[in-house]
Amino acid sequence: MFLTGYQFARRHLSIPLSPQEREFREFQPWLQKKFGTATSQSWSQLILFHAADERDAFERFFDLFQEFLRCKHTKLDTNQVEALLETA
């Protein structure tokens, strides 16, 4: 809810998104592609759905976000990154 309030306040005050926030906007579509779904659920709900519980979802967020950043910055797709991680 904190993030929702933060986003609402930024929009209400017409504060432009930071480069990091613009980059994070791509996380939701990336997750949908990774999990093979076109749901309207938020990224947090999507992770929770694929986790054992809230604690697992919290921890998985950081792993998934790091994977997202690696994919984005190396221009590899998710399957290529997973293959690289398996060989490491």
Protein backbone atom coordinates (compact mmCIF):
# COMPACT_ATOMS: atom_id res chain seq x y z
CA MET A 1 0.00 0.00 0.00
CA PHE A 2 2.95 2.29 0.65
CA LEU A 3 4.05 2.02 -2.98
CA THR A 4 0.52 2.70 -4.21
CA GLY A 5 0.35 5.85 -2.07
CA TYR A 6 3.76 6.95 -3.28
CA GLN A 7 2.75 6.50 -6.93
CA PHE A 8 -0.53 8.33 -6.35
CA ALA A 9 1.27 11.28 -4.74
CA ARG A 10 3.79 11.52 -7.60
CA ARG A 11 0.99 11.57 -10.17
CA HIS A 12 -1.05 14.08 -8.14
CA LEU A 13 1.93 16.41 -7.81
CA SER A 14 2.96 15.87 -11.47
CA ILE A 15 6.44 14.71 -10.46
CA PRO A 16 8.04 12.87 -13.39
CA LEU A 17 9.26 9.32 -12.98
CA SER A 18 12.92 8.80 -12.20
CA PRO A 19 15.01 6.66 -14.56
CA GLN A 20 14.83 3.83 -12.02
CA GLU A 21 11.04 4.06 -11.84
CA ARG A 22 10.77 4.03 -15.63
CA GLU A 23 12.95 0.93 -15.70
CA PHE A 24 10.85 -0.75 -12.98
CA ARG A 25 7.69 -0.24 -15.07
CA GLU A 26 9.06 -2.93 -17.39
CA PHE A 27 9.19 -5.48 -14.54
CA GLN A 28 5.46 -6.32 -14.65
CA PRO A 29 5.38 -7.24 -18.37
CA TRP A 30 8.63 -9.18 -17.93
CA LEU A 31 7.12 -11.18 -15.05
CA GLN A 32 4.00 -11.90 -17.09
CA LYS A 33 6.16 -13.23 -19.91
CA LYS A 34 8.32 -15.26 -17.52
CA PHE A 35 5.29 -16.87 -15.88
CA GLY A 36 3.41 -17.20 -19.17
CA THR A 37 0.38 -15.22 -18.11
CA ALA A 38 -1.52 -12.14 -19.24
CA THR A 39 -3.15 -11.42 -15.90
CA SER A 40 -4.10 -7.98 -14.66
CA GLN A 41 -2.65 -8.79 -11.23
CA SER A 42 0.09 -6.56 -9.88
CA TRP A 43 3.67 -7.75 -9.97
CA SER A 44 3.50 -8.39 -6.21
CA GLN A 45 0.39 -10.55 -6.52
CA LEU A 46 1.91 -12.41 -9.43
CA ILE A 47 5.00 -13.27 -7.39
CA LEU A 48 2.86 -14.24 -4.38
CA PHE A 49 0.79 -16.57 -6.57
CA HIS A 50 3.96 -18.43 -7.56
CA ALA A 51 5.40 -18.52 -4.02
CA ALA A 52 4.81 -20.78 -1.04
CA ASP A 53 3.85 -17.88 1.25
CA GLU A 54 4.42 -14.15 1.76
CA ARG A 55 7.92 -14.64 3.14
CA ASP A 56 8.89 -16.73 0.12
CA ALA A 57 7.34 -14.12 -2.19
CA PHE A 58 9.33 -11.35 -0.49
CA GLU A 59 12.57 -13.25 -0.96
CA ARG A 60 11.71 -14.31 -4.51
CA PHE A 61 11.07 -10.69 -5.48
CA PHE A 62 14.75 -9.87 -5.07
CA ASP A 63 15.85 -12.91 -7.07
CA LEU A 64 13.34 -12.17 -9.83
CA PHE A 65 14.26 -8.50 -9.95
CA GLN A 66 17.96 -9.34 -10.25
CA GLU A 67 17.13 -11.74 -13.07
CA PHE A 68 15.06 -9.02 -14.74
CA LEU A 69 17.95 -6.57 -14.52
CA ARG A 70 20.40 -9.12 -15.91
CA CYS A 71 18.07 -9.88 -18.82
CA LYS A 72 17.48 -6.21 -19.50
CA HIS A 73 21.11 -5.19 -19.37
CA THR A 74 22.50 -8.15 -21.26
CA LYS A 75 19.61 -8.29 -23.76
CA LEU A 76 19.16 -11.99 -23.05
CA ASP A 77 15.76 -13.53 -22.72
CA THR A 78 14.67 -15.34 -19.56
CA ASN A 79 15.46 -18.81 -20.90
CA GLN A 80 19.00 -17.77 -21.82
CA VAL A 81 19.60 -16.31 -18.35
CA GLU A 82 18.21 -19.45 -16.67
CA ALA A 83 20.53 -21.60 -18.79
CA LEU A 84 23.49 -19.46 -17.75
CA LEU A 85 22.51 -19.67 -14.08
CA GLU A 86 22.24 -23.46 -14.25
CA THR A 87 25.79 -23.75 -15.58
CA ALA A 88 27.21 -21.41 -12.93
